[in-house]
């Protein structure tokens, strides 16, 4: 591929010009601060690589939290034609439906601060965290695992671990259609059986936040948000179950690509035409993993609610532990998108990106019809997170927004820079209490490992893709 030709369109967007063998152009949402951090990152090249895939519709897009990933950049969004497009596991990622949920409470910061450490310690005791985390309390049968693959969060609700109100606060009501357990390997099932209700490792977390600032009082009120309110964010996905499914299908797609004569600028973009057996099998297995992730986060929510009940001596309903929203980060779905003045069906890959449906969209449940879908953007351990809704220009990204701050440092580099430091003590000085499965995790996840989420949010809101409703600040977290 020729050297990339990149030009700034406006304060919030860069254009990567179409050069052979690219089939289309690239759009990267980045202000000048974010752009400067991309100079040594291969992510821009990955945006161009995605633009080489067959059947891509419109530009290859990257969100402002862009950084290097497997095949697709993390923060990558791409739409593919159902007639001549492809599906690529690298465009979804290994942690299928890694996602974020926000749980509101009726509590203020003054009510939580005296018991913050005890609360986090008890949640850490109940929700297994770390590499290889397994749950001894929830023992699933093969039959139950199959039900989870098909029903997602609905399985947890029917078992009494959640409510039907929770389902309305999920993307796609907590169950991606088309899941096919027969397309999931025995090894994936073996890995998934003990993992429902576990946090896992890496950048997965449970975080206690306080509403620091409200920017849109009307929508904040409709979301039942108020100043100094305590919120809880849960970030995890399909764990080893989804990882195994991705691994299985990357191998399948590598052989499929040569059979279908698909040119790949990078083998990590292994893919198959959407109308083939390989692609349909992957979509069925991927949906099963996505539903597993929905159930996983719903079970963790049950354990968090249970902890609050035990510490406060009141029901979680009386404490106001209501799910605001749960959304996918890593997913590929058949959706309606606007293109050339009409609505068409396409396969949207979102890898490290959040769907952002505007107010009035028919896919939204009634509670979000007038506001648009909540867009949750968590930051790093020491700074801030944000709650947004889709903006007027969300259609330009096929109704997608960013999903977090985006890494600046590799995990290895973060650990190298953390040598001789106590990240725990540094956070404590900011009145942030952290628990982690290992010291290495805290080092890998220290604040300077990530972009400043304010730059990310300023970019996506400045471009009109999303509108900021509230800013949160962390007061404590559990890191896997």
Protein backbone atom coordinates (compact mmCIF):
# COMPACT_ATOMS: atom_id res chain seq x y z
CA UNK A 1 0.00 0.00 0.00
CA UNK A 2 1.19 3.52 -0.78
CA UNK A 3 2.03 5.92 2.04
CA UNK A 4 -1.16 7.21 3.64
CA UNK A 5 -2.34 10.63 2.54
CA UNK A 6 -4.10 12.26 5.48
CA UNK A 7 -5.78 15.65 5.64
CA UNK A 8 -7.63 17.44 8.42
CA UNK A 9 -11.25 18.15 7.44
CA UNK A 10 -12.24 20.17 10.50
CA UNK A 11 -11.20 20.44 14.18
CA UNK A 12 -12.62 16.99 14.90
CA UNK A 13 -12.00 14.82 11.82
CA UNK A 14 -9.17 13.52 9.67
CA UNK A 15 -9.60 12.05 6.19
CA UNK A 16 -7.47 9.21 4.88
CA UNK A 17 -7.56 9.47 1.10
CA UNK A 18 -8.40 6.42 -0.97
CA UNK A 19 -5.20 4.99 -2.44
CA UNK A 20 -4.75 1.52 -4.00
CA UNK A 21 -5.71 -1.09 -2.90
CA UNK A 22 -8.25 0.80 -0.72
CA UNK A 23 -11.84 0.55 -1.97
CA UNK A 24 -12.97 3.61 -0.03
CA UNK A 25 -11.68 6.45 2.14
CA UNK A 26 -11.16 6.61 5.88
CA UNK A 27 -12.53 9.02 8.48
CA UNK A 28 -10.86 9.32 11.88
CA UNK A 29 -12.48 11.37 14.64
CA UNK A 30 -9.53 13.08 16.34
CA UNK A 31 -8.72 16.55 17.61
CA UNK A 32 -5.12 17.76 17.40
CA UNK A 33 -4.20 16.32 20.81
CA UNK A 34 -5.42 12.86 19.81
CA UNK A 35 -3.83 13.17 16.37
CA UNK A 36 -0.43 13.84 17.94
CA UNK A 37 -0.70 10.60 19.91
CA UNK A 38 -1.32 8.60 16.72
CA UNK A 39 2.02 9.38 15.10
CA UNK A 40 3.70 6.18 16.32
CA UNK A 41 0.57 4.01 16.32
CA UNK A 42 -0.24 1.58 13.51
CA UNK A 43 -3.96 2.21 14.01
CA UNK A 44 -4.28 4.66 11.09
CA UNK A 45 -2.82 2.03 8.78
CA UNK A 46 -5.42 -0.40 10.14
CA UNK A 47 -8.19 2.05 9.22
CA UNK A 48 -6.83 2.01 5.66
CA UNK A 49 -6.53 -1.79 5.70
CA UNK A 50 -10.21 -2.16 6.61
CA UNK A 51 -11.02 0.09 3.64
CA UNK A 52 -9.59 -2.65 1.38
CA UNK A 53 -12.21 -5.25 2.31
CA UNK A 54 -14.90 -6.26 -0.23
CA UNK A 55 -18.35 -4.69 -0.05
CA UNK A 56 -17.50 -1.92 2.40
CA UNK A 57 -20.14 0.84 2.41
CA UNK A 58 -19.06 4.42 2.97
CA UNK A 59 -15.82 5.18 4.80
CA UNK A 60 -13.78 3.05 7.13
CA UNK A 61 -14.38 4.93 10.38
CA UNK A 62 -12.42 5.27 13.62
CA UNK A 63 -13.59 6.82 16.87
CA UNK A 64 -11.39 9.23 18.91
CA UNK A 65 -10.39 6.44 21.33
CA UNK A 66 -8.67 4.71 18.40
CA UNK A 67 -5.63 2.51 19.08
CA UNK A 68 -4.03 -0.57 17.57
CA UNK A 69 -6.04 -3.80 17.73
CA UNK A 70 -6.19 -7.24 16.14
CA UNK A 71 -6.97 -6.63 12.45
CA UNK A 72 -9.37 -3.74 12.90
CA UNK A 73 -8.26 -0.84 15.08
CA UNK A 74 -9.98 -0.60 18.43
CA UNK A 75 -12.48 2.18 17.91
CA UNK A 76 -13.13 0.93 14.38
CA UNK A 77 -16.55 1.04 12.69
CA UNK A 78 -17.30 -0.37 9.23
CA UNK A 79 -20.48 -1.21 7.33
CA UNK A 80 -20.61 -4.01 4.74
CA UNK A 81 -23.11 -4.79 2.02
CA UNK A 82 -25.28 -7.88 2.50
CA UNK A 83 -24.81 -8.65 -1.21
CA UNK A 84 -21.05 -8.55 -1.67
CA UNK A 85 -19.64 -7.67 1.76
CA UNK A 86 -17.80 -9.74 4.37
CA UNK A 87 -17.80 -10.57 8.06
CA UNK A 88 -14.48 -10.50 9.94
CA UNK A 89 -13.93 -11.78 13.50
CA UNK A 90 -11.11 -9.23 13.78
CA UNK A 91 -13.75 -6.53 13.29
CA UNK A 92 -15.48 -7.71 16.47
CA UNK A 93 -12.51 -8.74 18.58
CA UNK A 94 -11.69 -11.52 20.99
CA UNK A 95 -13.88 -10.26 23.84
CA UNK A 96 -17.20 -10.51 22.01
CA UNK A 97 -19.73 -8.07 23.49
CA UNK A 98 -17.27 -6.64 25.92
CA UNK A 99 -19.61 -3.91 27.11
CA UNK A 100 -20.43 -1.37 29.76
CA UNK A 101 -23.46 -0.90 31.98
CA UNK A 102 -24.36 1.88 34.37
CA UNK A 103 -26.43 1.20 37.48
CA UNK A 104 -28.04 4.24 39.11
CA UNK A 105 -28.63 4.45 42.84
CA UNK A 106 -30.79 6.70 44.99
CA UNK A 107 -27.78 7.31 47.23
CA UNK A 108 -25.57 10.38 47.54
CA UNK A 109 -21.82 10.44 48.07
CA UNK A 110 -22.21 11.26 51.79
CA UNK A 111 -24.03 7.96 52.30
CA UNK A 112 -21.34 5.91 50.59
CA UNK A 113 -18.04 7.45 51.71
CA UNK A 114 -18.09 5.99 55.27
CA UNK A 115 -18.50 2.43 53.90
CA UNK A 116 -16.79 2.77 50.52
CA UNK A 117 -13.91 0.40 51.28
CA UNK A 118 -16.14 -2.16 52.98
CA UNK A 119 -18.60 -2.05 50.06
CA UNK A 120 -15.91 -2.58 47.45
CA UNK A 121 -14.30 -5.32 49.51
CA UNK A 122 -17.58 -7.19 49.75
CA UNK A 123 -18.28 -6.86 46.01
CA UNK A 124 -14.73 -8.08 45.30
CA UNK A 125 -15.42 -11.09 47.51
CA UNK A 126 -18.63 -11.95 45.66
CA UNK A 127 -17.60 -11.24 42.04
CA UNK A 128 -14.57 -13.33 41.02
CA UNK A 129 -11.95 -11.15 39.31
CA UNK A 130 -8.64 -11.75 37.60
CA UNK A 131 -7.22 -14.06 34.96
CA UNK A 132 -9.07 -17.37 34.87
CA UNK A 133 -11.72 -16.20 37.38
CA UNK A 134 -14.36 -18.88 37.99
CA UNK A 135 -17.61 -18.79 39.93
CA UNK A 136 -18.18 -21.47 42.56
CA UNK A 137 -21.63 -20.16 43.52
CA UNK A 138 -23.28 -20.35 40.10
CA UNK A 139 -22.80 -23.84 38.71
CA UNK A 140 -24.33 -24.14 35.25
CA UNK A 141 -25.41 -27.26 33.44
CA UNK A 142 -24.81 -27.66 29.71
CA UNK A 143 -28.56 -27.11 29.24
CA UNK A 144 -28.44 -23.80 31.14
CA UNK A 145 -25.41 -22.65 29.17
CA UNK A 146 -27.30 -23.33 25.94
CA UNK A 147 -30.26 -21.30 27.27
CA UNK A 148 -27.91 -18.41 28.09
CA UNK A 149 -26.52 -18.49 24.55
CA UNK A 150 -30.03 -18.06 23.14
CA UNK A 151 -31.75 -15.88 25.76
CA UNK A 152 -28.94 -13.69 27.12
CA UNK A 153 -30.05 -11.43 29.98
CA UNK A 154 -33.56 -12.89 29.76
CA UNK A 155 -32.16 -16.14 31.16
CA UNK A 156 -31.01 -14.30 34.30
CA UNK A 157 -34.36 -12.52 34.64
CA UNK A 158 -36.32 -15.77 34.35
CA UNK A 159 -34.08 -17.29 37.04
CA UNK A 160 -34.91 -14.40 39.39
CA UNK A 161 -31.54 -12.65 39.08
CA UNK A 162 -32.95 -9.54 37.40
CA UNK A 163 -36.18 -7.84 36.37
CA UNK A 164 -38.02 -7.27 33.12
CA UNK A 165 -37.39 -3.55 33.61
CA UNK A 166 -33.68 -4.37 33.30
CA UNK A 167 -34.25 -5.82 29.82
CA UNK A 168 -35.64 -2.51 28.53
CA UNK A 169 -32.35 -0.91 29.55
CA UNK A 170 -30.26 -3.26 27.37
CA UNK A 171 -29.16 -2.86 23.79
CA UNK A 172 -31.48 -5.19 21.85
CA UNK A 173 -33.22 -5.98 25.14
CA UNK A 174 -30.25 -8.09 26.23
CA UNK A 175 -30.53 -10.78 23.56
CA UNK A 176 -28.98 -10.68 20.07
CA UNK A 177 -31.17 -12.69 17.66
CA UNK A 178 -29.78 -15.51 15.56
CA UNK A 179 -27.64 -17.21 18.19
CA UNK A 180 -26.82 -20.81 17.26
CA UNK A 181 -25.30 -22.95 20.07
CA UNK A 182 -24.53 -25.69 17.53
CA UNK A 183 -21.92 -23.38 16.00
CA UNK A 184 -20.04 -23.10 19.34
CA UNK A 185 -17.18 -25.52 20.00
CA UNK A 186 -17.03 -27.88 22.94
CA UNK A 187 -13.87 -26.13 24.14
CA UNK A 188 -15.68 -22.77 24.24
CA UNK A 189 -18.51 -24.32 26.27
CA UNK A 190 -16.01 -25.88 28.66
CA UNK A 191 -14.42 -22.48 29.25
CA UNK A 192 -17.75 -20.71 29.63
CA UNK A 193 -19.45 -22.97 32.16
CA UNK A 194 -17.80 -21.48 35.30
CA UNK A 195 -17.57 -17.89 34.04
CA UNK A 196 -21.08 -16.43 34.34
CA UNK A 197 -21.02 -13.77 37.07
CA UNK A 198 -17.25 -13.14 36.84
CA UNK A 199 -15.36 -9.96 36.04
CA UNK A 200 -12.23 -11.39 34.48
CA UNK A 201 -8.96 -9.56 33.90
CA UNK A 202 -7.33 -6.79 31.87
CA UNK A 203 -9.28 -3.54 31.63
CA UNK A 204 -12.47 -5.03 33.08
CA UNK A 205 -13.75 -3.24 36.16
CA UNK A 206 -16.53 -2.45 38.59
CA UNK A 207 -16.40 1.23 39.49
CA UNK A 208 -18.20 3.47 41.96
CA UNK A 209 -18.69 6.95 40.53
CA UNK A 210 -20.29 10.15 41.68
CA UNK A 211 -22.17 12.53 39.38
CA UNK A 212 -19.76 15.46 39.35
CA UNK A 213 -21.42 17.78 36.86
CA UNK A 214 -24.67 17.85 34.88
CA UNK A 215 -24.56 19.49 31.44
CA UNK A 216 -28.11 18.79 30.23
CA UNK A 217 -30.54 19.11 33.13
CA UNK A 218 -33.61 18.04 31.16
CA UNK A 219 -32.24 14.73 29.91
CA UNK A 220 -30.40 14.10 33.20
CA UNK A 221 -33.75 14.40 34.96
CA UNK A 222 -35.31 11.95 32.47
CA UNK A 223 -32.43 9.53 33.24
CA UNK A 224 -33.03 10.12 37.01
CA UNK A 225 -29.53 11.56 37.44
CA UNK A 226 -28.73 14.18 40.09
CA UNK A 227 -25.65 15.99 41.41
CA UNK A 228 -23.52 13.95 43.87
CA UNK A 229 -25.46 10.78 43.04
CA UNK A 230 -23.68 7.43 43.31
CA UNK A 231 -23.55 5.34 40.13
CA UNK A 232 -21.89 1.99 39.46
CA UNK A 233 -20.29 1.02 36.17
CA UNK A 234 -19.63 -2.59 35.19
CA UNK A 235 -17.26 -3.30 32.31
CA UNK A 236 -16.74 -6.89 31.18
CA UNK A 237 -17.75 -9.25 28.39
CA UNK A 238 -17.97 -12.87 27.29
CA UNK A 239 -14.71 -13.88 28.99
CA UNK A 240 -12.93 -17.06 27.84
CA UNK A 241 -16.14 -18.26 26.19
CA UNK A 242 -16.10 -15.45 23.63
CA UNK A 243 -12.32 -15.54 23.31
CA UNK A 244 -12.43 -19.19 22.30
CA UNK A 245 -15.19 -18.56 19.75
CA UNK A 246 -13.14 -15.79 18.16
CA UNK A 247 -10.05 -17.99 18.12
CA UNK A 248 -11.96 -20.87 16.54
CA UNK A 249 -13.42 -18.75 13.76
CA UNK A 250 -10.27 -16.81 12.91
CA UNK A 251 -8.74 -20.15 11.95
CA UNK A 252 -11.83 -21.01 9.88
CA UNK A 253 -11.83 -17.59 8.18
CA UNK A 254 -8.14 -17.79 7.29
CA UNK A 255 -8.77 -20.83 5.14
CA UNK A 256 -12.06 -19.40 3.81
CA UNK A 257 -10.39 -16.22 2.58
CA UNK A 258 -8.11 -18.09 0.20
CA UNK A 259 -11.03 -20.20 -1.07
CA UNK A 260 -13.04 -17.08 -1.89
CA UNK A 261 -10.02 -15.22 -3.36
CA UNK A 262 -10.27 -12.31 -0.90
CA UNK A 263 -7.27 -9.97 -0.90
CA UNK A 264 -6.10 -9.21 2.64
CA UNK A 265 -3.56 -6.46 3.34
CA UNK A 266 -3.25 -8.06 6.80
CA UNK A 267 -3.97 -11.71 7.67
CA UNK A 268 -5.64 -10.52 10.88
CA UNK A 269 -8.51 -9.25 8.71
CA UNK A 270 -9.43 -12.87 7.87
CA UNK A 271 -13.04 -12.87 6.68
CA UNK A 272 -15.68 -14.59 4.55
CA UNK A 273 -18.50 -13.31 2.33
CA UNK A 274 -21.63 -12.68 4.39
CA UNK A 275 -23.75 -15.14 2.40
CA UNK A 276 -21.38 -18.11 3.00
CA UNK A 277 -21.63 -20.97 5.45
CA UNK A 278 -18.54 -19.78 7.33
CA UNK A 279 -19.95 -16.29 7.84
CA UNK A 280 -23.38 -17.53 8.92
CA UNK A 281 -21.80 -19.97 11.35
CA UNK A 282 -19.67 -17.21 12.86
CA UNK A 283 -22.65 -14.86 13.23
CA UNK A 284 -24.55 -17.62 15.08
CA UNK A 285 -21.64 -18.32 17.42
CA UNK A 286 -20.88 -14.61 17.90
CA UNK A 287 -24.50 -13.92 18.91
CA UNK A 288 -24.26 -16.78 21.42
CA UNK A 289 -21.17 -15.15 22.95
CA UNK A 290 -22.85 -11.73 22.97
CA UNK A 291 -25.81 -13.17 24.85
CA UNK A 292 -23.44 -14.86 27.30
CA UNK A 293 -21.92 -11.43 27.99
CA UNK A 294 -25.34 -9.84 28.61
CA UNK A 295 -26.15 -12.61 31.10
CA UNK A 296 -22.73 -12.23 32.72
CA UNK A 297 -23.21 -8.51 33.40
CA UNK A 298 -26.77 -9.12 34.63
CA UNK A 299 -25.49 -11.70 37.12
CA UNK A 300 -22.80 -9.31 38.34
CA UNK A 301 -25.52 -6.69 38.81
CA UNK A 302 -27.47 -9.17 40.92
CA UNK A 303 -24.40 -9.65 43.14
CA UNK A 304 -23.89 -5.89 43.47
CA UNK A 305 -27.53 -5.36 44.41
CA UNK A 306 -27.28 -8.17 46.93
CA UNK A 307 -24.22 -6.51 48.51
CA UNK A 308 -26.01 -3.17 48.86
CA UNK A 309 -29.00 -4.91 50.46
CA UNK A 310 -26.79 -6.62 53.03
CA UNK A 311 -24.87 -3.46 53.94
CA UNK A 312 -27.85 -1.09 54.08
CA UNK A 313 -30.53 -3.48 55.34
CA UNK A 314 -32.93 -2.38 52.62
CA UNK A 315 -34.08 -3.86 49.33
CA UNK A 316 -32.17 -2.82 46.23
CA UNK A 317 -35.43 -1.37 44.89
CA UNK A 318 -35.69 0.95 47.90
CA UNK A 319 -32.06 1.90 47.44
CA UNK A 320 -32.79 2.84 43.83
CA UNK A 321 -30.36 0.42 42.16
CA UNK A 322 -31.91 0.77 38.72
CA UNK A 323 -30.16 -0.13 35.48
CA UNK A 324 -29.71 2.97 33.32
CA UNK A 325 -28.30 1.15 30.27
CA UNK A 326 -26.16 -1.75 29.05
CA UNK A 327 -24.46 -1.56 25.66
CA UNK A 328 -22.14 -3.66 23.50
CA UNK A 329 -18.66 -2.56 22.49
CA UNK A 330 -17.50 -5.47 20.32
CA UNK A 331 -20.19 -6.75 17.96
CA UNK A 332 -21.27 -7.19 14.34
CA UNK A 333 -24.97 -6.88 13.56
CA UNK A 334 -27.34 -6.52 10.63
CA UNK A 335 -28.80 -3.05 11.04
CA UNK A 336 -30.57 -0.33 9.09
CA UNK A 337 -28.28 2.55 8.20
CA UNK A 338 -28.78 5.74 6.20
CA UNK A 339 -26.94 5.67 2.88
CA UNK A 340 -27.34 7.91 -0.16
CA UNK A 341 -30.68 9.27 0.97
CA UNK A 342 -32.34 6.01 1.90
CA UNK A 343 -32.28 3.34 4.59
CA UNK A 344 -30.47 0.10 3.76
CA UNK A 345 -29.60 -3.09 5.61
CA UNK A 346 -25.90 -3.67 6.26
CA UNK A 347 -23.60 -5.63 8.54
CA UNK A 348 -22.09 -3.12 10.98
CA UNK A 349 -18.84 -4.04 12.68
CA UNK A 350 -18.22 -2.07 15.87
CA UNK A 351 -14.96 -2.88 17.59
CA UNK A 352 -14.45 -0.75 20.66
CA UNK A 353 -17.40 1.40 19.65
CA UNK A 354 -20.89 1.97 21.04
CA UNK A 355 -24.15 2.09 19.13
CA UNK A 356 -25.73 5.53 19.45
CA UNK A 357 -29.38 5.64 18.40
CA UNK A 358 -30.99 9.11 18.28
CA UNK A 359 -34.32 10.10 19.81
CA UNK A 360 -37.32 8.80 17.88
CA UNK A 361 -35.50 5.75 16.51
CA UNK A 362 -37.95 2.83 16.22
CA UNK A 363 -35.43 0.44 17.80
CA UNK A 364 -35.46 2.29 21.10
CA UNK A 365 -37.69 1.23 24.00
CA UNK A 366 -40.30 3.75 25.08
CA UNK A 367 -38.22 5.09 27.97
CA UNK A 368 -35.55 6.39 25.55
CA UNK A 369 -37.76 7.56 22.66
CA UNK A 370 -37.54 11.23 23.67
CA UNK A 371 -33.91 11.23 24.81
CA UNK A 372 -32.05 8.87 22.55
CA UNK A 373 -29.97 5.96 23.76
CA UNK A 374 -27.59 6.58 26.68
CA UNK A 375 -23.98 6.43 25.48
CA UNK A 376 -21.61 5.42 28.28
CA UNK A 377 -17.96 6.44 27.97
CA UNK A 378 -15.80 5.30 30.88
CA UNK A 379 -12.42 6.92 31.41
CA UNK A 380 -9.33 5.76 33.28
CA UNK A 381 -9.06 5.02 37.00
CA UNK A 382 -8.06 8.52 38.03
CA UNK A 383 -9.98 11.00 35.92
CA UNK A 384 -13.57 10.94 34.69
CA UNK A 385 -16.34 9.15 32.81
CA UNK A 386 -19.24 10.57 30.83
CA UNK A 387 -22.87 9.86 29.99
CA UNK A 388 -23.98 11.11 26.58
CA UNK A 389 -26.78 10.62 24.05
CA UNK A 390 -26.65 10.44 20.26
CA UNK A 391 -26.28 13.79 18.50
CA UNK A 392 -27.58 15.14 15.20
CA UNK A 393 -24.57 13.81 13.26
CA UNK A 394 -24.70 10.24 14.56
CA UNK A 395 -25.95 9.11 11.17
CA UNK A 396 -22.49 9.95 9.75
CA UNK A 397 -20.96 7.17 11.88
CA UNK A 398 -23.79 4.70 11.15
CA UNK A 399 -25.12 5.54 14.64
CA UNK A 400 -21.86 4.80 16.45
CA UNK A 401 -19.85 6.59 19.14
CA UNK A 402 -16.67 5.94 21.10
CA UNK A 403 -16.52 3.46 23.98
CA UNK A 404 -13.83 4.76 26.34
CA UNK A 405 -10.61 6.71 26.67
CA UNK A 406 -8.45 4.49 24.44
CA UNK A 407 -5.02 3.17 25.38
CA UNK A 408 -1.86 5.24 24.92
CA UNK A 409 0.63 2.75 26.35
CA UNK A 410 0.94 -0.97 25.80
CA UNK A 411 0.49 -3.08 28.91
CA UNK A 412 4.21 -3.90 28.90
CA UNK A 413 5.19 -0.23 28.65
CA UNK A 414 2.72 0.73 31.40
CA UNK A 415 4.26 -1.85 33.76
CA UNK A 416 7.76 -0.61 32.90
CA UNK A 417 6.83 2.99 33.73
CA UNK A 418 5.12 1.93 36.96
CA UNK A 419 8.26 0.31 38.40
CA UNK A 420 9.15 1.81 41.75
CA UNK A 421 5.76 3.49 42.06
CA UNK A 422 2.65 2.64 44.05
CA UNK A 423 -0.34 3.24 41.80
CA UNK A 424 -2.56 2.37 44.77
CA UNK A 425 -1.04 5.19 46.86
CA UNK A 426 -1.25 7.64 43.95
CA UNK A 427 -4.96 6.92 43.61
CA UNK A 428 -5.46 7.14 47.38
CA UNK A 429 -4.09 10.69 47.37
CA UNK A 430 -6.94 11.52 44.98
CA UNK A 431 -9.39 9.87 47.44
CA UNK A 432 -9.89 6.94 45.06
CA UNK A 433 -9.84 3.46 46.58
CA UNK A 434 -8.77 0.62 44.32
CA UNK A 435 -8.81 -3.16 44.65
CA UNK A 436 -7.15 -5.32 42.02
CA UNK A 437 -6.63 -9.01 41.44
CA UNK A 438 -2.89 -8.26 41.10
CA UNK A 439 -0.42 -5.37 41.37
CA UNK A 440 0.38 -5.86 37.68
CA UNK A 441 -3.23 -5.04 36.81
CA UNK A 442 -3.06 -1.68 38.60
CA UNK A 443 0.18 -0.87 36.79
CA UNK A 444 -1.27 -1.81 33.39
CA UNK A 445 -4.37 0.30 34.05
CA UNK A 446 -2.78 3.37 35.62
CA UNK A 447 -4.28 6.65 34.35
CA UNK A 448 -1.41 7.62 32.03
CA UNK A 449 -1.90 4.33 30.15
CA UNK A 450 -4.93 6.00 28.55
CA UNK A 451 -5.81 9.10 26.59
CA UNK A 452 -7.50 11.82 28.61
CA UNK A 453 -11.16 10.90 28.16
CA UNK A 454 -12.04 14.61 28.09
CA UNK A 455 -10.23 14.93 24.74
CA UNK A 456 -12.14 11.92 23.43
CA UNK A 457 -15.50 13.29 24.57
CA UNK A 458 -14.73 16.82 23.36
CA UNK A 459 -14.00 15.36 19.92
CA UNK A 460 -17.10 13.20 19.60
CA UNK A 461 -19.38 15.91 21.02
CA UNK A 462 -17.69 18.68 19.01
CA UNK A 463 -18.35 16.66 15.85
CA UNK A 464 -22.04 16.46 16.78
CA UNK A 465 -22.03 12.66 16.99
CA UNK A 466 -23.06 12.69 20.66
CA UNK A 467 -24.12 15.19 23.29
CA UNK A 468 -22.79 15.22 26.87
CA UNK A 469 -25.37 14.83 29.62
CA UNK A 470 -23.26 14.31 32.74
CA UNK A 471 -19.67 13.99 33.93
CA UNK A 472 -18.77 11.40 36.56
CA UNK A 473 -15.69 11.06 38.74
CA UNK A 474 -14.45 7.81 40.27
CA UNK A 475 -14.21 7.26 44.03
CA UNK A 476 -13.44 3.55 44.02
CA UNK A 477 -13.06 0.57 41.75
CA UNK A 478 -12.32 -3.12 41.40
CA UNK A 479 -9.90 -4.03 38.60
CA UNK A 480 -9.61 -7.51 37.19
